[in-house]
Amino acid sequence: MRKIKNNLHGIKFDRHHLPKPFHYYSKHFPHLKMRAQWVSVHCCFHVDRQPSLRLNLETGAFRCFGCGVKGVMCWHFISSFIS
């Protein structure tokens, strides 16, 4: 099977159609403040006592140092967390 890069069911993916990372994440983390490129919040993928989920507010990348989940803004985050 031939792999089509940057393509989902024949529709070309364009990152410009995604919301800005800060605006997207601030809807899900209301207390989010833009202080630096990377910020820490409580992880929504596991029970988290201290903020272990790091969000990149410029690229949309995220990584949890508690449970190891990582990805880029919309694809993984929406499919894993938001119903």
Protein backbone atom coordinates (compact mmCIF):
# COMPACT_ATOMS: atom_id res chain seq x y z
CA MET A 1 0.00 0.00 0.00
CA ARG A 2 1.39 3.38 -0.98
CA LYS A 3 1.61 5.88 1.83
CA ILE A 4 0.39 9.38 0.98
CA LYS A 5 2.28 11.97 2.97
CA ASN A 6 0.34 14.93 4.36
CA ASN A 7 -2.93 13.52 3.08
CA LEU A 8 -6.03 12.14 4.79
CA HIS A 9 -8.50 10.27 2.60
CA GLY A 10 -7.45 12.24 -0.47
CA ILE A 11 -7.81 15.63 1.26
CA LYS A 12 -4.59 17.61 1.52
CA PHE A 13 -3.86 18.70 5.08
CA ASP A 14 -3.01 22.37 5.57
CA ARG A 15 -1.80 23.50 9.02
CA HIS A 16 -3.01 27.03 8.26
CA HIS A 17 -6.58 25.79 8.81
CA LEU A 18 -5.78 24.88 12.42
CA PRO A 19 -6.42 27.40 15.19
CA LYS A 20 -3.46 29.16 16.80
CA PRO A 21 -2.08 26.86 19.54
CA PHE A 22 -2.57 29.37 22.38
CA HIS A 23 -6.22 29.97 21.45
CA TYR A 24 -6.88 26.24 21.06
CA TYR A 25 -5.28 25.21 24.36
CA SER A 26 -6.72 28.12 26.35
CA LYS A 27 -10.23 26.78 25.65
CA HIS A 28 -9.31 23.50 27.36
CA PHE A 29 -7.09 24.99 30.06
CA PRO A 30 -8.86 28.22 31.16
CA HIS A 31 -6.07 29.34 33.51
CA LEU A 32 -3.42 29.14 30.79
CA LYS A 33 -1.20 32.21 30.61
CA MET A 34 1.21 32.88 27.76
CA ARG A 35 4.47 33.31 29.65
CA ALA A 36 6.89 31.43 27.42
CA GLN A 37 6.97 29.13 24.42
CA TRP A 38 6.44 26.07 26.65
CA VAL A 39 4.01 26.03 29.60
CA SER A 40 3.10 23.33 32.13
CA VAL A 41 -0.46 22.29 33.01
CA HIS A 42 -2.10 19.36 34.80
CA CYS A 43 -2.30 16.43 32.41
CA CYS A 44 -5.79 15.57 31.17
CA PHE A 45 -4.75 12.04 30.14
CA HIS A 46 -4.09 10.76 33.69
CA VAL A 47 -4.57 11.78 37.34
CA ASP A 48 -1.99 14.48 37.85
CA ARG A 49 -1.04 16.07 41.21
CA GLN A 50 1.54 18.43 39.74
CA PRO A 51 1.59 19.96 36.25
CA SER A 52 3.42 17.45 34.07
CA LEU A 53 1.88 18.17 30.65
CA ARG A 54 4.02 20.61 28.67
CA LEU A 55 2.37 22.60 25.87
CA ASN A 56 4.24 24.43 23.13
CA LEU A 57 2.18 27.54 22.47
CA GLU A 58 3.94 28.28 19.19
CA THR A 59 3.92 24.91 17.42
CA GLY A 60 1.03 23.17 19.19
CA ALA A 61 3.17 20.23 20.33
CA PHE A 62 2.50 18.65 23.73
CA ARG A 63 4.23 16.08 25.94
CA CYS A 64 3.44 14.68 29.36
CA PHE A 65 6.42 13.76 31.49
CA GLY A 66 4.14 11.75 33.79
CA CYS A 67 2.40 9.34 31.42
CA GLY A 68 4.47 9.83 28.25
CA VAL A 69 1.68 10.91 25.91
CA LYS A 70 2.89 13.27 23.19
CA GLY A 71 1.75 14.68 19.88
CA VAL A 72 0.71 17.78 18.03
CA MET A 73 -2.29 19.91 18.96
CA CYS A 74 -5.39 18.80 17.13
CA TRP A 75 -4.81 15.27 15.83
CA HIS A 76 -3.84 13.40 18.97
CA PHE A 77 -5.40 15.75 21.48
CA ILE A 78 -8.87 15.71 19.93
CA SER A 79 -8.91 11.98 19.21
CA SER A 80 -7.70 11.07 22.71
CA PHE A 81 -9.30 13.58 25.04
CA ILE A 82 -12.22 15.49 23.59
CA SER A 83 -15.38 13.62 22.69
